[in-house]
Amino acid sequence: MEKQNVKQPFFQKFSENPKPYMNPYTAGVIVGFILFLSFILIGKGLGASGAITRSVLTFISLFVPDHAAAAPYYQKYLGSTTHSLYDWLVFMFIGSAVGGFVSGMMNRRMKVEIFKGEQISNKKRLYLAFLGGFITFIGARLAEGCTSGHGLTGGAMLGVAGWIFLMGVFASGFITAFFIRKTWISKE
């Protein structure tokens, strides 16, 4: 696997001598504890796709207000008396992004890199990554929840939809890996 770093002066001091990653089992326990706390403190589980949906619909309502007002689906998010971005999911999403940035700086992992195999160009790798992200976003909207919402929260609550979602994620991951694995395997 080829790893290309594109270091920038600002990030350079935050990318040298990175600290080791956290033990995955410890990280899993911490995520479970955070999920437990979110149920206790907020009364809801974790999720991120709702924040993105609210952001996109707020953007649409700013530039095409007549369309946003006429669409019943949009009113689910835009029709309340409070601003559509004033929602706990939006704050959790912002906090996750800021927390990831701070963690990257503290652990000296701030660098721009493209992970790819030898048999694929940077352009094609980025294209496929964005295409996969877009398909995942559409799937999250169709399923009315994302990996954290259905997988973490639904699985923790022993919800049938959450477990079916998790099985679907793993199955589609294995199937997709079968077709794209050649781009990651070296020519040797």
C-alpha atoms as a PDB file:
ATOM      1  CA  MET A   1       0.000   0.000   0.000  1.00  0.00           C
ATOM      2  CA  GLU A   2       1.379   3.352  -1.039  1.00  0.00           C
ATOM      3  CA  LYS A   3       0.849   6.321   1.275  1.00  0.00           C
ATOM      4  CA  GLN A   4       1.450   9.798  -0.067  1.00  0.00           C
ATOM      5  CA  ASN A   5       1.829  12.691   2.352  1.00  0.00           C
ATOM      6  CA  VAL A   6       1.205  16.252   1.326  1.00  0.00           C
ATOM      7  CA  LYS A   7       2.671  18.212   4.230  1.00  0.00           C
ATOM      8  CA  GLN A   8       1.816  21.820   4.720  1.00  0.00           C
ATOM      9  CA  PRO A   9       3.851  24.164   6.941  1.00  0.00           C
ATOM     10  CA  PHE A  10       1.081  24.638   9.543  1.00  0.00           C
ATOM     11  CA  PHE A  11       0.452  20.920   9.918  1.00  0.00           C
ATOM     12  CA  GLN A  12       4.094  19.900   9.819  1.00  0.00           C
ATOM     13  CA  LYS A  13       4.726  20.502  13.524  1.00  0.00           C
ATOM     14  CA  PHE A  14       1.551  18.549  14.315  1.00  0.00           C
ATOM     15  CA  SER A  15       2.503  15.531  12.211  1.00  0.00           C
ATOM     16  CA  GLU A  16       6.020  14.630  13.316  1.00  0.00           C
ATOM     17  CA  ASN A  17       6.474  11.813  15.847  1.00  0.00           C
ATOM     18  CA  PRO A  18       2.797  10.857  16.136  1.00  0.00           C
ATOM     19  CA  LYS A  19       1.603   9.189  19.322  1.00  0.00           C
ATOM     20  CA  PRO A  20       0.346   5.589  19.037  1.00  0.00           C
ATOM     21  CA  TYR A  21      -3.335   4.929  18.401  1.00  0.00           C
ATOM     22  CA  MET A  22      -5.613   4.089  21.301  1.00  0.00           C
ATOM     23  CA  ASN A  23      -6.317   0.423  21.976  1.00  0.00           C
ATOM     24  CA  PRO A  24      -9.491  -0.382  19.945  1.00  0.00           C
ATOM     25  CA  TYR A  25     -11.116  -2.198  22.867  1.00  0.00           C
ATOM     26  CA  THR A  26     -10.558   0.785  25.149  1.00  0.00           C
ATOM     27  CA  ALA A  27     -11.937   3.100  22.440  1.00  0.00           C
ATOM     28  CA  GLY A  28     -15.001   0.862  22.079  1.00  0.00           C
ATOM     29  CA  VAL A  29     -15.680   0.983  25.815  1.00  0.00           C
ATOM     30  CA  ILE A  30     -15.363   4.788  25.744  1.00  0.00           C
ATOM     31  CA  VAL A  31     -17.797   5.076  22.815  1.00  0.00           C
ATOM     32  CA  GLY A  32     -20.230   2.785  24.669  1.00  0.00           C
ATOM     33  CA  PHE A  33     -19.927   4.958  27.771  1.00  0.00           C
ATOM     34  CA  ILE A  34     -20.558   8.117  25.724  1.00  0.00           C
ATOM     35  CA  LEU A  35     -23.630   6.472  24.177  1.00  0.00           C
ATOM     36  CA  PHE A  36     -24.855   5.529  27.660  1.00  0.00           C
ATOM     37  CA  LEU A  37     -24.320   9.119  28.862  1.00  0.00           C
ATOM     38  CA  SER A  38     -26.207  10.511  25.867  1.00  0.00           C
ATOM     39  CA  PHE A  39     -29.224   8.381  26.819  1.00  0.00           C
ATOM     40  CA  ILE A  40     -29.031   9.585  30.422  1.00  0.00           C
ATOM     41  CA  LEU A  41     -28.310  13.280  29.790  1.00  0.00           C
ATOM     42  CA  ILE A  42     -30.227  13.945  26.562  1.00  0.00           C
ATOM     43  CA  GLY A  43     -32.639  11.047  26.394  1.00  0.00           C
ATOM     44  CA  LYS A  44     -31.476  10.191  22.865  1.00  0.00           C
ATOM     45  CA  GLY A  45     -28.757   8.119  21.249  1.00  0.00           C
ATOM     46  CA  LEU A  46     -26.000   9.171  18.874  1.00  0.00           C
ATOM     47  CA  GLY A  47     -26.398   9.982  15.187  1.00  0.00           C
ATOM     48  CA  ALA A  48     -24.904  12.283  12.575  1.00  0.00           C
ATOM     49  CA  SER A  49     -26.928  12.152   9.355  1.00  0.00           C
ATOM     50  CA  GLY A  50     -29.684  14.297  10.868  1.00  0.00           C
ATOM     51  CA  ALA A  51     -27.202  17.149  11.314  1.00  0.00           C
ATOM     52  CA  ILE A  52     -26.156  16.977   7.678  1.00  0.00           C
ATOM     53  CA  THR A  53     -29.791  16.827   6.556  1.00  0.00           C
ATOM     54  CA  ARG A  54     -30.645  19.870   8.661  1.00  0.00           C
ATOM     55  CA  SER A  55     -27.657  21.763   7.267  1.00  0.00           C
ATOM     56  CA  VAL A  56     -28.527  20.968   3.647  1.00  0.00           C
ATOM     57  CA  LEU A  57     -32.200  21.829   4.105  1.00  0.00           C
ATOM     58  CA  THR A  58     -31.317  25.102   5.835  1.00  0.00           C
ATOM     59  CA  PHE A  59     -29.102  25.950   2.861  1.00  0.00           C
ATOM     60  CA  ILE A  60     -31.958  25.090   0.457  1.00  0.00           C
ATOM     61  CA  SER A  61     -34.424  27.220   2.420  1.00  0.00           C
ATOM     62  CA  LEU A  62     -32.074  30.215   2.167  1.00  0.00           C
ATOM     63  CA  PHE A  63     -31.745  30.049  -1.618  1.00  0.00           C
ATOM     64  CA  VAL A  64     -35.036  28.452  -2.708  1.00  0.00           C
ATOM     65  CA  PRO A  65     -37.506  29.344   0.090  1.00  0.00           C
ATOM     66  CA  ASP A  66     -40.666  28.661  -1.967  1.00  0.00           C
ATOM     67  CA  HIS A  67     -39.515  25.128  -2.770  1.00  0.00           C
ATOM     68  CA  ALA A  68     -38.541  24.485   0.853  1.00  0.00           C
ATOM     69  CA  ALA A  69     -41.911  25.730   2.109  1.00  0.00           C
ATOM     70  CA  ALA A  70     -43.854  23.565  -0.361  1.00  0.00           C
ATOM     71  CA  ALA A  71     -42.069  20.257   0.306  1.00  0.00           C
ATOM     72  CA  PRO A  72     -43.669  18.227   3.135  1.00  0.00           C
ATOM     73  CA  TYR A  73     -40.437  16.315   3.827  1.00  0.00           C
ATOM     74  CA  TYR A  74     -38.558  19.567   4.441  1.00  0.00           C
ATOM     75  CA  GLN A  75     -41.150  20.773   6.935  1.00  0.00           C
ATOM     76  CA  LYS A  76     -40.248  17.915   9.247  1.00  0.00           C
ATOM     77  CA  TYR A  77     -36.954  19.760   9.776  1.00  0.00           C
ATOM     78  CA  LEU A  78     -37.790  23.368   8.904  1.00  0.00           C
ATOM     79  CA  GLY A  79     -41.352  23.695  10.208  1.00  0.00           C
ATOM     80  CA  SER A  80     -40.695  24.156  13.939  1.00  0.00           C
ATOM     81  CA  THR A  81     -40.618  27.460  15.811  1.00  0.00           C
ATOM     82  CA  THR A  82     -36.886  27.169  16.538  1.00  0.00           C
ATOM     83  CA  HIS A  83     -34.170  27.476  13.910  1.00  0.00           C
ATOM     84  CA  SER A  84     -33.552  24.252  11.993  1.00  0.00           C
ATOM     85  CA  LEU A  85     -29.885  24.188  13.031  1.00  0.00           C
ATOM     86  CA  TYR A  86     -30.750  24.537  16.726  1.00  0.00           C
ATOM     87  CA  ASP A  87     -30.772  20.790  17.310  1.00  0.00           C
ATOM     88  CA  TRP A  88     -28.617  18.540  19.476  1.00  0.00           C
ATOM     89  CA  LEU A  89     -27.460  16.542  16.423  1.00  0.00           C
ATOM     90  CA  VAL A  90     -25.947  19.672  14.856  1.00  0.00           C
ATOM     91  CA  PHE A  91     -24.051  20.491  18.052  1.00  0.00           C
ATOM     92  CA  MET A  92     -22.880  16.881  18.389  1.00  0.00           C
ATOM     93  CA  PHE A  93     -21.666  16.912  14.782  1.00  0.00           C
ATOM     94  CA  ILE A  94     -19.755  20.183  15.290  1.00  0.00           C
ATOM     95  CA  GLY A  95     -18.328  18.877  18.570  1.00  0.00           C
ATOM     96  CA  SER A  96     -17.168  15.675  16.872  1.00  0.00           C
ATOM     97  CA  ALA A  97     -15.399  17.635  14.128  1.00  0.00           C
ATOM     98  CA  VAL A  98     -13.738  20.022  16.595  1.00  0.00           C
ATOM     99  CA  GLY A  99     -12.850  17.145  18.917  1.00  0.00           C
ATOM    100  CA  GLY A 100     -11.285  15.197  16.059  1.00  0.00           C
ATOM    101  CA  PHE A 101      -9.238  18.229  15.043  1.00  0.00           C
ATOM    102  CA  VAL A 102      -8.033  18.849  18.613  1.00  0.00           C
ATOM    103  CA  SER A 103      -7.244  15.147  19.095  1.00  0.00           C
ATOM    104  CA  GLY A 104      -5.273  15.132  15.840  1.00  0.00           C
ATOM    105  CA  MET A 105      -3.231  18.110  16.987  1.00  0.00           C
ATOM    106  CA  MET A 106      -2.631  16.711  20.476  1.00  0.00           C
ATOM    107  CA  ASN A 107      -1.561  13.318  19.113  1.00  0.00           C
ATOM    108  CA  ARG A 108       0.477  14.811  16.254  1.00  0.00           C
ATOM    109  CA  ARG A 109      -1.598  13.259  13.469  1.00  0.00           C
ATOM    110  CA  MET A 110      -2.427  16.400  11.474  1.00  0.00           C
ATOM    111  CA  LYS A 111      -1.493  15.674   7.886  1.00  0.00           C
ATOM    112  CA  VAL A 112      -3.180  15.431   4.543  1.00  0.00           C
ATOM    113  CA  GLU A 113      -2.737  11.984   3.029  1.00  0.00           C
ATOM    114  CA  ILE A 114      -4.323   9.721   0.464  1.00  0.00           C
ATOM    115  CA  PHE A 115      -4.305   6.023   1.325  1.00  0.00           C
ATOM    116  CA  LYS A 116      -4.378   3.898  -1.781  1.00  0.00           C
ATOM    117  CA  GLY A 117      -2.890   0.888  -3.479  1.00  0.00           C
ATOM    118  CA  GLU A 118      -0.273   1.006  -6.209  1.00  0.00           C
ATOM    119  CA  GLN A 119      -2.743   0.236  -8.982  1.00  0.00           C
ATOM    120  CA  ILE A 120      -4.961   3.293  -8.624  1.00  0.00           C
ATOM    121  CA  SER A 121      -4.304   6.985  -9.228  1.00  0.00           C
ATOM    122  CA  ASN A 122      -4.923   9.708  -6.656  1.00  0.00           C
ATOM    123  CA  LYS A 123      -7.678  11.144  -8.853  1.00  0.00           C
ATOM    124  CA  LYS A 124      -9.520   7.831  -9.173  1.00  0.00           C
ATOM    125  CA  ARG A 125      -9.104   7.082  -5.450  1.00  0.00           C
ATOM    126  CA  LEU A 126     -10.617  10.450  -4.504  1.00  0.00           C
ATOM    127  CA  TYR A 127     -13.410  10.017  -7.065  1.00  0.00           C
ATOM    128  CA  LEU A 128     -14.322   6.601  -5.656  1.00  0.00           C
ATOM    129  CA  ALA A 129     -14.142   7.900  -2.078  1.00  0.00           C
ATOM    130  CA  PHE A 130     -16.523  10.776  -2.837  1.00  0.00           C
ATOM    131  CA  LEU A 131     -18.825   8.478  -4.813  1.00  0.00           C
ATOM    132  CA  GLY A 132     -18.929   6.020  -1.898  1.00  0.00           C
ATOM    133  CA  GLY A 133     -19.611   8.857   0.538  1.00  0.00           C
ATOM    134  CA  PHE A 134     -22.455  10.166  -1.628  1.00  0.00           C
ATOM    135  CA  ILE A 135     -24.023   6.714  -1.946  1.00  0.00           C
ATOM    136  CA  THR A 136     -23.709   6.258   1.819  1.00  0.00           C
ATOM    137  CA  PHE A 137     -25.380   9.642   2.409  1.00  0.00           C
ATOM    138  CA  ILE A 138     -28.303   8.697   0.137  1.00  0.00           C
ATOM    139  CA  GLY A 139     -28.570   5.352   1.916  1.00  0.00           C
ATOM    140  CA  ALA A 140     -28.592   7.078   5.306  1.00  0.00           C
ATOM    141  CA  ARG A 141     -31.481   9.272   4.190  1.00  0.00           C
ATOM    142  CA  LEU A 142     -33.424   6.327   2.760  1.00  0.00           C
ATOM    143  CA  ALA A 143     -32.849   4.345   5.960  1.00  0.00           C
ATOM    144  CA  GLU A 144     -33.622   7.446   8.059  1.00  0.00           C
ATOM    145  CA  GLY A 145     -30.381   7.081   9.973  1.00  0.00           C
ATOM    146  CA  CYS A 146     -26.653   6.595   9.618  1.00  0.00           C
ATOM    147  CA  THR A 147     -24.078   4.177  10.938  1.00  0.00           C
ATOM    148  CA  SER A 148     -23.973   5.803  14.361  1.00  0.00           C
ATOM    149  CA  GLY A 149     -27.751   6.134  14.578  1.00  0.00           C
ATOM    150  CA  HIS A 150     -28.737   2.679  13.387  1.00  0.00           C
ATOM    151  CA  GLY A 151     -25.539   0.801  14.219  1.00  0.00           C
ATOM    152  CA  LEU A 152     -24.536   2.189  17.601  1.00  0.00           C
ATOM    153  CA  THR A 153     -27.846   3.384  18.990  1.00  0.00           C
ATOM    154  CA  GLY A 154     -30.110   0.820  17.329  1.00  0.00           C
ATOM    155  CA  GLY A 155     -27.724  -2.030  18.122  1.00  0.00           C
ATOM    156  CA  ALA A 156     -27.340  -0.919  21.755  1.00  0.00           C
ATOM    157  CA  MET A 157     -31.121  -0.816  22.135  1.00  0.00           C
ATOM    158  CA  LEU A 158     -31.335  -4.296  20.558  1.00  0.00           C
ATOM    159  CA  GLY A 159     -33.518  -2.878  17.794  1.00  0.00           C
ATOM    160  CA  VAL A 160     -34.184  -5.232  14.898  1.00  0.00           C
ATOM    161  CA  ALA A 161     -33.608  -2.416  12.364  1.00  0.00           C
ATOM    162  CA  GLY A 162     -30.239  -1.629  13.954  1.00  0.00           C
ATOM    163  CA  TRP A 163     -29.028  -5.222  13.733  1.00  0.00           C
ATOM    164  CA  ILE A 164     -30.311  -5.660  10.173  1.00  0.00           C
ATOM    165  CA  PHE A 165     -28.503  -2.439   9.276  1.00  0.00           C
ATOM    166  CA  LEU A 166     -25.246  -3.676  10.825  1.00  0.00           C
ATOM    167  CA  MET A 167     -25.474  -6.984   8.970  1.00  0.00           C
ATOM    168  CA  GLY A 168     -26.115  -5.056   5.752  1.00  0.00           C
ATOM    169  CA  VAL A 169     -23.096  -2.811   6.351  1.00  0.00           C
ATOM    170  CA  PHE A 170     -20.767  -5.757   6.876  1.00  0.00           C
ATOM    171  CA  ALA A 171     -22.215  -7.747   3.956  1.00  0.00           C
ATOM    172  CA  SER A 172     -21.956  -4.795   1.552  1.00  0.00           C
ATOM    173  CA  GLY A 173     -18.429  -4.096   2.806  1.00  0.00           C
ATOM    174  CA  PHE A 174     -17.324  -7.651   2.030  1.00  0.00           C
ATOM    175  CA  ILE A 175     -18.986  -7.593  -1.391  1.00  0.00           C
ATOM    176  CA  THR A 176     -17.489  -4.200  -2.275  1.00  0.00           C
ATOM    177  CA  ALA A 177     -14.039  -5.288  -1.051  1.00  0.00           C
ATOM    178  CA  PHE A 178     -14.180  -8.282  -3.384  1.00  0.00           C
ATOM    179  CA  PHE A 179     -14.571  -5.984  -6.398  1.00  0.00           C
ATOM    180  CA  ILE A 180     -12.091  -3.252  -5.466  1.00  0.00           C
ATOM    181  CA  ARG A 181      -9.403  -5.300  -3.725  1.00  0.00           C
ATOM    182  CA  LYS A 182      -7.240  -5.373  -6.846  1.00  0.00           C
ATOM    183  CA  THR A 183      -6.627  -1.641  -6.513  1.00  0.00           C
ATOM    184  CA  TRP A 184      -5.044  -2.239  -3.092  1.00  0.00           C
ATOM    185  CA  ILE A 185      -2.947  -5.307  -3.915  1.00  0.00           C
ATOM    186  CA  SER A 186       0.613  -4.600  -5.029  1.00  0.00           C
ATOM    187  CA  LYS A 187       1.772  -5.836  -8.451  1.00  0.00           C
ATOM    188  CA  GLU A 188       4.392  -8.190  -6.995  1.00  0.00           C
END
